[in-house]
Amino acid sequence: MDDTNPAKEEIEYVDSIITDVKWLIDGWADDRLGLKAVGATPKAIQSNGQSDFYLGPEGVAENAGAKLEPFYASDYFEQIYGYAITLIKKGLAYVCDLSPEDTDRYRGAPDRPGKDSPFRTRTIEESLDLFQRMRAGEYPDAARTLRARIDMTSPNVWMRDPLLYRIRHAEHHHTGNKWCIYPMYDFAHCLSDYLEGITHSICTLEFEVHRPLYDWVLDNLGLPRPLPHQYEFARFKRRLYRDEQAQAAPTCQR
């Protein structure tokens, strides 16, 4: 469950998705549904000689009667925050003070390159301090963001120093008021996949242009386990047509 935006997440939507999934698999794929123990978060492990985190699925059939729940991105907020700290320390992320409007303006357009934020040259030490103070709740909504330091002239606008974190003082359906900074979907997506041990992350075609960022984040963190990969697919659309050879034929589906 992507619940990275507390302003949009409501438990009724979570329940609705669970109901739909159960309807789709009822009677033929129930034993393939992977859930986790209620309240479980990634465990610290050692992988290839490095510290790592992992949270795998619990089979429904093998855990009959156990209290299980879906995976939530918010269960990984602590680990995702740590990954953001790593990028800052590597000089690959910085705290930016541009307003949302100026951030959009500086980004440019598909036919026009963006330009660097005046805060892009912040030192690692200053960005670390500001990011930690963002988490502590010292700043109001939208006052500051954390951005990746990639390429403001990239032909792919999603690679033009994308936002990784924003300030949002709002109660979250799963974590309450513990956090006031939240990761952006593109940052949390790839890291959630990694933490869960996902190998194939399936998305619709509109996410194809997001894949370079998905790969960039994972490639730059020095993660010890095999990395997930995003695959896109086209949505299947049913079309209606009329059999011209039989004027009275009913409308068919193909």
C-alpha atoms as a PDB file:
ATOM      1  CA  MET A   1       0.000   0.000   0.000  1.00  0.00           C
ATOM      2  CA  ASP A   2       1.494   3.309  -1.074  1.00  0.00           C
ATOM      3  CA  ASP A   3       0.581   5.565   1.837  1.00  0.00           C
ATOM      4  CA  THR A   4       3.296   8.190   1.486  1.00  0.00           C
ATOM      5  CA  ASN A   5       0.885  11.138   1.325  1.00  0.00           C
ATOM      6  CA  PRO A   6      -1.041  11.516   4.610  1.00  0.00           C
ATOM      7  CA  ALA A   7      -3.378  14.085   3.097  1.00  0.00           C
ATOM      8  CA  LYS A   8      -4.759  11.538   0.617  1.00  0.00           C
ATOM      9  CA  GLU A   9      -4.653   8.259   2.505  1.00  0.00           C
ATOM     10  CA  GLU A  10      -7.810   7.021   4.200  1.00  0.00           C
ATOM     11  CA  ILE A  11      -8.382   3.608   5.725  1.00  0.00           C
ATOM     12  CA  GLU A  12     -11.543   3.178   3.619  1.00  0.00           C
ATOM     13  CA  TYR A  13      -9.405   3.069   0.465  1.00  0.00           C
ATOM     14  CA  VAL A  14      -7.110   0.464   2.003  1.00  0.00           C
ATOM     15  CA  ASP A  15     -10.111  -1.685   2.934  1.00  0.00           C
ATOM     16  CA  SER A  16     -11.557  -1.265  -0.554  1.00  0.00           C
ATOM     17  CA  ILE A  17      -8.351  -2.450  -2.239  1.00  0.00           C
ATOM     18  CA  ILE A  18      -8.154  -5.477   0.052  1.00  0.00           C
ATOM     19  CA  THR A  19     -11.772  -6.364  -0.747  1.00  0.00           C
ATOM     20  CA  ASP A  20     -11.111  -6.122  -4.505  1.00  0.00           C
ATOM     21  CA  VAL A  21      -7.972  -8.269  -4.323  1.00  0.00           C
ATOM     22  CA  LYS A  22      -9.763 -10.958  -2.309  1.00  0.00           C
ATOM     23  CA  TRP A  23     -12.594 -10.957  -4.862  1.00  0.00           C
ATOM     24  CA  LEU A  24     -10.112 -11.433  -7.718  1.00  0.00           C
ATOM     25  CA  ILE A  25      -8.312 -14.409  -6.168  1.00  0.00           C
ATOM     26  CA  ASP A  26     -11.133 -16.037  -4.216  1.00  0.00           C
ATOM     27  CA  GLY A  27     -11.189 -19.799  -4.670  1.00  0.00           C
ATOM     28  CA  TRP A  28      -8.161 -20.165  -6.924  1.00  0.00           C
ATOM     29  CA  ALA A  29      -5.185 -18.119  -5.685  1.00  0.00           C
ATOM     30  CA  ASP A  30      -5.884 -17.543  -2.005  1.00  0.00           C
ATOM     31  CA  ASP A  31      -2.698 -19.345  -1.037  1.00  0.00           C
ATOM     32  CA  ARG A  32      -0.629 -16.938  -3.175  1.00  0.00           C
ATOM     33  CA  LEU A  33      -1.619 -13.854  -1.222  1.00  0.00           C
ATOM     34  CA  GLY A  34       1.429 -12.562   0.653  1.00  0.00           C
ATOM     35  CA  LEU A  35       0.789 -10.543   3.796  1.00  0.00           C
ATOM     36  CA  LYS A  36       2.833  -9.703   6.888  1.00  0.00           C
ATOM     37  CA  ALA A  37       2.310  -9.995  10.616  1.00  0.00           C
ATOM     38  CA  VAL A  38       0.367  -7.046  11.999  1.00  0.00           C
ATOM     39  CA  GLY A  39       2.784  -4.291  13.011  1.00  0.00           C
ATOM     40  CA  ALA A  40       5.837  -5.986  11.482  1.00  0.00           C
ATOM     41  CA  THR A  41       8.602  -3.728  10.182  1.00  0.00           C
ATOM     42  CA  PRO A  42      11.866  -4.553   8.376  1.00  0.00           C
ATOM     43  CA  LYS A  43      14.360  -6.546  10.420  1.00  0.00           C
ATOM     44  CA  ALA A  44      18.046  -5.702  10.555  1.00  0.00           C
ATOM     45  CA  ILE A  45      20.056  -8.442   8.827  1.00  0.00           C
ATOM     46  CA  GLN A  46      23.540  -9.013   7.471  1.00  0.00           C
ATOM     47  CA  SER A  47      23.788  -9.473   3.713  1.00  0.00           C
ATOM     48  CA  ASN A  48      27.064  -9.985   1.861  1.00  0.00           C
ATOM     49  CA  GLY A  49      28.926  -8.601   4.849  1.00  0.00           C
ATOM     50  CA  GLN A  50      26.850  -5.423   5.054  1.00  0.00           C
ATOM     51  CA  SER A  51      24.059  -4.214   7.312  1.00  0.00           C
ATOM     52  CA  ASP A  52      20.710  -4.468   5.591  1.00  0.00           C
ATOM     53  CA  PHE A  53      16.941  -4.604   6.190  1.00  0.00           C
ATOM     54  CA  TYR A  54      14.322  -7.070   4.997  1.00  0.00           C
ATOM     55  CA  LEU A  55      10.614  -7.754   5.475  1.00  0.00           C
ATOM     56  CA  GLY A  56       9.266 -10.753   3.591  1.00  0.00           C
ATOM     57  CA  PRO A  57       5.728 -12.107   3.182  1.00  0.00           C
ATOM     58  CA  GLU A  58       3.914 -14.609   5.353  1.00  0.00           C
ATOM     59  CA  GLY A  59       1.860 -17.157   3.445  1.00  0.00           C
ATOM     60  CA  VAL A  60      -1.833 -17.029   4.314  1.00  0.00           C
ATOM     61  CA  ALA A  61      -2.245 -20.803   4.104  1.00  0.00           C
ATOM     62  CA  GLU A  62       0.719 -21.472   6.406  1.00  0.00           C
ATOM     63  CA  ASN A  63      -0.441 -18.908   8.952  1.00  0.00           C
ATOM     64  CA  ALA A  64      -4.126 -19.695   9.281  1.00  0.00           C
ATOM     65  CA  GLY A  65      -5.532 -17.890  12.277  1.00  0.00           C
ATOM     66  CA  ALA A  66      -2.591 -15.488  12.567  1.00  0.00           C
ATOM     67  CA  LYS A  67      -3.218 -11.763  12.438  1.00  0.00           C
ATOM     68  CA  LEU A  68      -1.883 -10.596   9.102  1.00  0.00           C
ATOM     69  CA  GLU A  69      -2.071  -7.313   7.183  1.00  0.00           C
ATOM     70  CA  PRO A  70      -0.896  -5.816   3.865  1.00  0.00           C
ATOM     71  CA  PHE A  71       2.510  -4.243   3.410  1.00  0.00           C
ATOM     72  CA  TYR A  72       2.538  -0.463   3.898  1.00  0.00           C
ATOM     73  CA  ALA A  73       5.189   1.955   2.663  1.00  0.00           C
ATOM     74  CA  SER A  74       4.780   3.733   5.994  1.00  0.00           C
ATOM     75  CA  ASP A  75       6.198   0.647   7.753  1.00  0.00           C
ATOM     76  CA  TYR A  76       9.519   1.558   6.123  1.00  0.00           C
ATOM     77  CA  PHE A  77       9.617   5.271   6.931  1.00  0.00           C
ATOM     78  CA  GLU A  78      12.550   4.858   9.319  1.00  0.00           C
ATOM     79  CA  GLN A  79      14.609   2.907   6.781  1.00  0.00           C
ATOM     80  CA  ILE A  80      13.686   5.262   3.919  1.00  0.00           C
ATOM     81  CA  TYR A  81      14.747   8.214   6.065  1.00  0.00           C
ATOM     82  CA  GLY A  82      18.078   6.472   6.627  1.00  0.00           C
ATOM     83  CA  TYR A  83      18.542   5.989   2.891  1.00  0.00           C
ATOM     84  CA  ALA A  84      17.897   9.714   2.388  1.00  0.00           C
ATOM     85  CA  ILE A  85      20.624  10.479   4.933  1.00  0.00           C
ATOM     86  CA  THR A  86      22.985   8.231   2.965  1.00  0.00           C
ATOM     87  CA  LEU A  87      22.312  10.145  -0.268  1.00  0.00           C
ATOM     88  CA  ILE A  88      22.955  13.461   1.491  1.00  0.00           C
ATOM     89  CA  LYS A  89      26.250  12.174   2.902  1.00  0.00           C
ATOM     90  CA  LYS A  90      27.270  11.088  -0.608  1.00  0.00           C
ATOM     91  CA  GLY A  91      26.546  14.562  -1.958  1.00  0.00           C
ATOM     92  CA  LEU A  92      23.651  13.205  -4.009  1.00  0.00           C
ATOM     93  CA  ALA A  93      20.805  15.034  -2.233  1.00  0.00           C
ATOM     94  CA  TYR A  94      20.330  18.511  -0.780  1.00  0.00           C
ATOM     95  CA  VAL A  95      17.765  20.538   1.113  1.00  0.00           C
ATOM     96  CA  CYS A  96      16.074  23.138  -1.092  1.00  0.00           C
ATOM     97  CA  ASP A  97      14.157  26.235   0.043  1.00  0.00           C
ATOM     98  CA  LEU A  98      12.393  26.988  -3.246  1.00  0.00           C
ATOM     99  CA  SER A  99       8.626  27.347  -3.018  1.00  0.00           C
ATOM    100  CA  PRO A 100       6.514  24.749  -4.847  1.00  0.00           C
ATOM    101  CA  GLU A 101       5.785  27.324  -7.556  1.00  0.00           C
ATOM    102  CA  ASP A 102       9.462  28.193  -8.045  1.00  0.00           C
ATOM    103  CA  THR A 103      10.422  24.515  -8.009  1.00  0.00           C
ATOM    104  CA  ASP A 104       8.062  23.922 -10.938  1.00  0.00           C
ATOM    105  CA  ARG A 105       9.356  27.006 -12.744  1.00  0.00           C
ATOM    106  CA  TYR A 106      13.007  26.031 -12.300  1.00  0.00           C
ATOM    107  CA  ARG A 107      12.267  22.513 -13.582  1.00  0.00           C
ATOM    108  CA  GLY A 108      11.703  23.788 -17.114  1.00  0.00           C
ATOM    109  CA  ALA A 109       9.699  21.800 -19.654  1.00  0.00           C
ATOM    110  CA  PRO A 110      10.222  18.839 -22.016  1.00  0.00           C
ATOM    111  CA  ASP A 111      11.392  21.263 -24.714  1.00  0.00           C
ATOM    112  CA  ARG A 112      13.271  23.561 -22.346  1.00  0.00           C
ATOM    113  CA  PRO A 113      16.057  22.660 -19.885  1.00  0.00           C
ATOM    114  CA  GLY A 114      15.679  23.453 -16.223  1.00  0.00           C
ATOM    115  CA  LYS A 115      18.033  25.579 -14.166  1.00  0.00           C
ATOM    116  CA  ASP A 116      19.802  24.911 -10.912  1.00  0.00           C
ATOM    117  CA  SER A 117      18.190  25.829  -7.625  1.00  0.00           C
ATOM    118  CA  PRO A 118      20.167  28.521  -5.783  1.00  0.00           C
ATOM    119  CA  PHE A 119      20.335  26.015  -2.896  1.00  0.00           C
ATOM    120  CA  ARG A 120      21.868  23.239  -4.994  1.00  0.00           C
ATOM    121  CA  THR A 121      25.381  24.079  -3.772  1.00  0.00           C
ATOM    122  CA  ARG A 122      24.522  23.647  -0.091  1.00  0.00           C
ATOM    123  CA  THR A 123      27.177  21.729   1.789  1.00  0.00           C
ATOM    124  CA  ILE A 124      26.589  18.185   2.959  1.00  0.00           C
ATOM    125  CA  GLU A 125      26.799  19.345   6.566  1.00  0.00           C
ATOM    126  CA  GLU A 126      24.185  22.075   6.133  1.00  0.00           C
ATOM    127  CA  SER A 127      21.769  19.796   4.290  1.00  0.00           C
ATOM    128  CA  LEU A 128      22.156  17.107   6.963  1.00  0.00           C
ATOM    129  CA  ASP A 129      21.403  19.623   9.702  1.00  0.00           C
ATOM    130  CA  LEU A 130      18.374  21.068   7.895  1.00  0.00           C
ATOM    131  CA  PHE A 131      16.967  17.654   7.002  1.00  0.00           C
ATOM    132  CA  GLN A 132      17.177  16.494  10.605  1.00  0.00           C
ATOM    133  CA  ARG A 133      15.453  19.707  11.699  1.00  0.00           C
ATOM    134  CA  MET A 134      12.761  19.111   9.081  1.00  0.00           C
ATOM    135  CA  ARG A 135      12.067  15.771  10.739  1.00  0.00           C
ATOM    136  CA  ALA A 136      11.997  17.446  14.158  1.00  0.00           C
ATOM    137  CA  GLY A 137       9.140  19.664  12.968  1.00  0.00           C
ATOM    138  CA  GLU A 138      10.904  23.018  13.028  1.00  0.00           C
ATOM    139  CA  TYR A 139       9.516  24.218   9.692  1.00  0.00           C
ATOM    140  CA  PRO A 140       5.999  24.689   8.292  1.00  0.00           C
ATOM    141  CA  ASP A 141       4.545  22.819   5.340  1.00  0.00           C
ATOM    142  CA  ALA A 142       6.298  23.439   2.009  1.00  0.00           C
ATOM    143  CA  ALA A 143       9.064  25.526   3.608  1.00  0.00           C
ATOM    144  CA  ARG A 144      11.766  23.092   2.550  1.00  0.00           C
ATOM    145  CA  THR A 145      12.179  19.891   0.545  1.00  0.00           C
ATOM    146  CA  LEU A 146      14.870  17.295   0.057  1.00  0.00           C
ATOM    147  CA  ARG A 147      15.883  16.880  -3.577  1.00  0.00           C
ATOM    148  CA  ALA A 148      18.138  14.481  -5.452  1.00  0.00           C
ATOM    149  CA  ARG A 149      21.146  16.103  -7.100  1.00  0.00           C
ATOM    150  CA  ILE A 150      21.054  14.632 -10.617  1.00  0.00           C
ATOM    151  CA  ASP A 151      20.854  16.789 -13.773  1.00  0.00           C
ATOM    152  CA  MET A 152      18.682  19.865 -14.330  1.00  0.00           C
ATOM    153  CA  THR A 153      19.302  19.654 -18.089  1.00  0.00           C
ATOM    154  CA  SER A 154      18.218  16.037 -18.483  1.00  0.00           C
ATOM    155  CA  PRO A 155      15.758  15.457 -21.355  1.00  0.00           C
ATOM    156  CA  ASN A 156      13.741  13.424 -18.838  1.00  0.00           C
ATOM    157  CA  VAL A 157      12.092  16.017 -16.590  1.00  0.00           C
ATOM    158  CA  TRP A 158      11.688  13.405 -13.834  1.00  0.00           C
ATOM    159  CA  MET A 159      15.482  13.371 -13.487  1.00  0.00           C
ATOM    160  CA  ARG A 160      15.775  17.112 -12.936  1.00  0.00           C
ATOM    161  CA  ASP A 161      16.641  17.067  -9.243  1.00  0.00           C
ATOM    162  CA  PRO A 162      13.357  15.417  -8.238  1.00  0.00           C
ATOM    163  CA  LEU A 163      11.848  15.872  -4.797  1.00  0.00           C
ATOM    164  CA  LEU A 164      12.562  13.047  -2.366  1.00  0.00           C
ATOM    165  CA  TYR A 165      10.890  14.442   0.777  1.00  0.00           C
ATOM    166  CA  ARG A 166       8.417  17.178   1.643  1.00  0.00           C
ATOM    167  CA  ILE A 167       7.101  18.619   4.906  1.00  0.00           C
ATOM    168  CA  ARG A 168       3.508  17.741   5.680  1.00  0.00           C
ATOM    169  CA  HIS A 169       2.107  18.331   9.169  1.00  0.00           C
ATOM    170  CA  ALA A 170      -0.833  15.949   8.956  1.00  0.00           C
ATOM    171  CA  GLU A 171      -1.993  12.893  10.840  1.00  0.00           C
ATOM    172  CA  HIS A 172      -1.273   9.657   9.024  1.00  0.00           C
ATOM    173  CA  HIS A 173      -3.768   6.773   9.048  1.00  0.00           C
ATOM    174  CA  HIS A 174      -1.047   4.241   9.885  1.00  0.00           C
ATOM    175  CA  THR A 175       1.652   6.157  11.808  1.00  0.00           C
ATOM    176  CA  GLY A 176      -0.419   8.877  13.486  1.00  0.00           C
ATOM    177  CA  ASN A 177       1.611  12.023  14.209  1.00  0.00           C
ATOM    178  CA  LYS A 178       5.012  10.351  14.418  1.00  0.00           C
ATOM    179  CA  TRP A 179       6.219  11.935  11.170  1.00  0.00           C
ATOM    180  CA  CYS A 180       5.930  15.400   9.679  1.00  0.00           C
ATOM    181  CA  ILE A 181       8.119  14.710   6.638  1.00  0.00           C
ATOM    182  CA  TYR A 182       7.070  12.167   4.042  1.00  0.00           C
ATOM    183  CA  PRO A 183       8.927  10.540   1.141  1.00  0.00           C
ATOM    184  CA  MET A 184       7.707  11.095  -2.383  1.00  0.00           C
ATOM    185  CA  TYR A 185       6.199   8.103  -4.162  1.00  0.00           C
ATOM    186  CA  ASP A 186       9.092   7.671  -6.614  1.00  0.00           C
ATOM    187  CA  PHE A 187      11.593   7.552  -3.752  1.00  0.00           C
ATOM    188  CA  ALA A 188       9.556   5.185  -1.575  1.00  0.00           C
ATOM    189  CA  HIS A 189       8.508   2.891  -4.446  1.00  0.00           C
ATOM    190  CA  CYS A 190      11.898   1.455  -5.343  1.00  0.00           C
ATOM    191  CA  LEU A 191      13.037   1.249  -1.715  1.00  0.00           C
ATOM    192  CA  SER A 192       9.859  -0.522  -0.634  1.00  0.00           C
ATOM    193  CA  ASP A 193      10.427  -3.050  -3.411  1.00  0.00           C
ATOM    194  CA  TYR A 194      13.987  -3.615  -2.216  1.00  0.00           C
ATOM    195  CA  LEU A 195      13.047  -3.995   1.438  1.00  0.00           C
ATOM    196  CA  GLU A 196      10.377  -6.567   0.532  1.00  0.00           C
ATOM    197  CA  GLY A 197      12.713  -8.558  -1.704  1.00  0.00           C
ATOM    198  CA  ILE A 198      10.708  -7.803  -4.846  1.00  0.00           C
ATOM    199  CA  THR A 199      12.380  -8.867  -8.100  1.00  0.00           C
ATOM    200  CA  HIS A 200       9.841  -7.682 -10.707  1.00  0.00           C
ATOM    201  CA  SER A 201       7.961  -4.449  -9.994  1.00  0.00           C
ATOM    202  CA  ILE A 202       5.071  -4.243 -12.454  1.00  0.00           C
ATOM    203  CA  CYS A 203       3.745  -0.817 -13.479  1.00  0.00           C
ATOM    204  CA  THR A 204       1.584   0.618 -16.237  1.00  0.00           C
ATOM    205  CA  LEU A 205       3.230   2.414 -19.156  1.00  0.00           C
ATOM    206  CA  GLU A 206       2.924   5.921 -17.734  1.00  0.00           C
ATOM    207  CA  PHE A 207       5.634   4.982 -15.242  1.00  0.00           C
ATOM    208  CA  GLU A 208       8.177   4.191 -17.950  1.00  0.00           C
ATOM    209  CA  VAL A 209       9.701   7.675 -17.696  1.00  0.00           C
ATOM    210  CA  HIS A 210      10.023   7.187 -13.925  1.00  0.00           C
ATOM    211  CA  ARG A 211      12.178   4.063 -14.293  1.00  0.00           C
ATOM    212  CA  PRO A 212      15.507   5.960 -14.644  1.00  0.00           C
ATOM    213  CA  LEU A 213      14.873   7.527 -11.224  1.00  0.00           C
ATOM    214  CA  TYR A 214      13.868   4.137  -9.788  1.00  0.00           C
ATOM    215  CA  ASP A 215      17.218   2.744 -10.965  1.00  0.00           C
ATOM    216  CA  TRP A 216      19.213   5.840  -9.959  1.00  0.00           C
ATOM    217  CA  VAL A 217      18.116   5.666  -6.335  1.00  0.00           C
ATOM    218  CA  LEU A 218      18.898   1.962  -5.991  1.00  0.00           C
ATOM    219  CA  ASP A 219      22.190   2.154  -7.886  1.00  0.00           C
ATOM    220  CA  ASN A 220      23.535   4.981  -5.723  1.00  0.00           C
ATOM    221  CA  LEU A 221      22.878   3.499  -2.294  1.00  0.00           C
ATOM    222  CA  GLY A 222      25.346   0.608  -2.439  1.00  0.00           C
ATOM    223  CA  LEU A 223      22.706  -1.916  -1.387  1.00  0.00           C
ATOM    224  CA  PRO A 224      24.046  -5.442  -0.750  1.00  0.00           C
ATOM    225  CA  ARG A 225      21.225  -7.618  -2.110  1.00  0.00           C
ATOM    226  CA  PRO A 226      20.096  -8.019  -5.755  1.00  0.00           C
ATOM    227  CA  LEU A 227      18.137  -4.963  -6.857  1.00  0.00           C
ATOM    228  CA  PRO A 228      14.538  -5.029  -8.075  1.00  0.00           C
ATOM    229  CA  HIS A 229      13.677  -3.971 -11.608  1.00  0.00           C
ATOM    230  CA  GLN A 230      10.646  -2.077 -12.834  1.00  0.00           C
ATOM    231  CA  TYR A 231       8.716  -3.467 -15.792  1.00  0.00           C
ATOM    232  CA  GLU A 232       5.932  -1.632 -17.585  1.00  0.00           C
ATOM    233  CA  PHE A 233       2.935  -3.067 -19.399  1.00  0.00           C
ATOM    234  CA  ALA A 234       0.147  -1.631 -21.525  1.00  0.00           C
ATOM    235  CA  ARG A 235      -3.357  -1.685 -20.144  1.00  0.00           C
ATOM    236  CA  PHE A 236      -5.762  -3.987 -21.945  1.00  0.00           C
ATOM    237  CA  LYS A 237      -8.765  -2.067 -23.222  1.00  0.00           C
ATOM    238  CA  ARG A 238     -11.880  -3.849 -24.368  1.00  0.00           C
ATOM    239  CA  ARG A 239     -13.385  -2.402 -27.513  1.00  0.00           C
ATOM    240  CA  LEU A 240     -16.951  -2.719 -28.708  1.00  0.00           C
ATOM    241  CA  TYR A 241     -17.739  -3.417 -32.344  1.00  0.00           C
ATOM    242  CA  ARG A 242     -20.773  -4.340 -34.408  1.00  0.00           C
ATOM    243  CA  ASP A 243     -20.878  -7.211 -36.865  1.00  0.00           C
ATOM    244  CA  GLU A 244     -21.682  -5.483 -40.134  1.00  0.00           C
ATOM    245  CA  GLN A 245     -22.522  -8.814 -41.786  1.00  0.00           C
ATOM    246  CA  ALA A 246     -25.516  -9.297 -39.518  1.00  0.00           C
ATOM    247  CA  GLN A 247     -27.474  -6.124 -38.980  1.00  0.00           C
ATOM    248  CA  ALA A 248     -29.364  -7.576 -36.080  1.00  0.00           C
ATOM    249  CA  ALA A 249     -26.338  -9.052 -34.348  1.00  0.00           C
ATOM    250  CA  PRO A 250     -25.816  -7.880 -30.775  1.00  0.00           C
ATOM    251  CA  THR A 251     -22.852  -5.750 -29.758  1.00  0.00           C
ATOM    252  CA  CYS A 252     -19.888  -7.984 -29.011  1.00  0.00           C
ATOM    253  CA  GLN A 253     -16.700  -7.586 -27.053  1.00  0.00           C
ATOM    254  CA  ARG A 254     -13.242  -8.375 -28.209  1.00  0.00           C
END
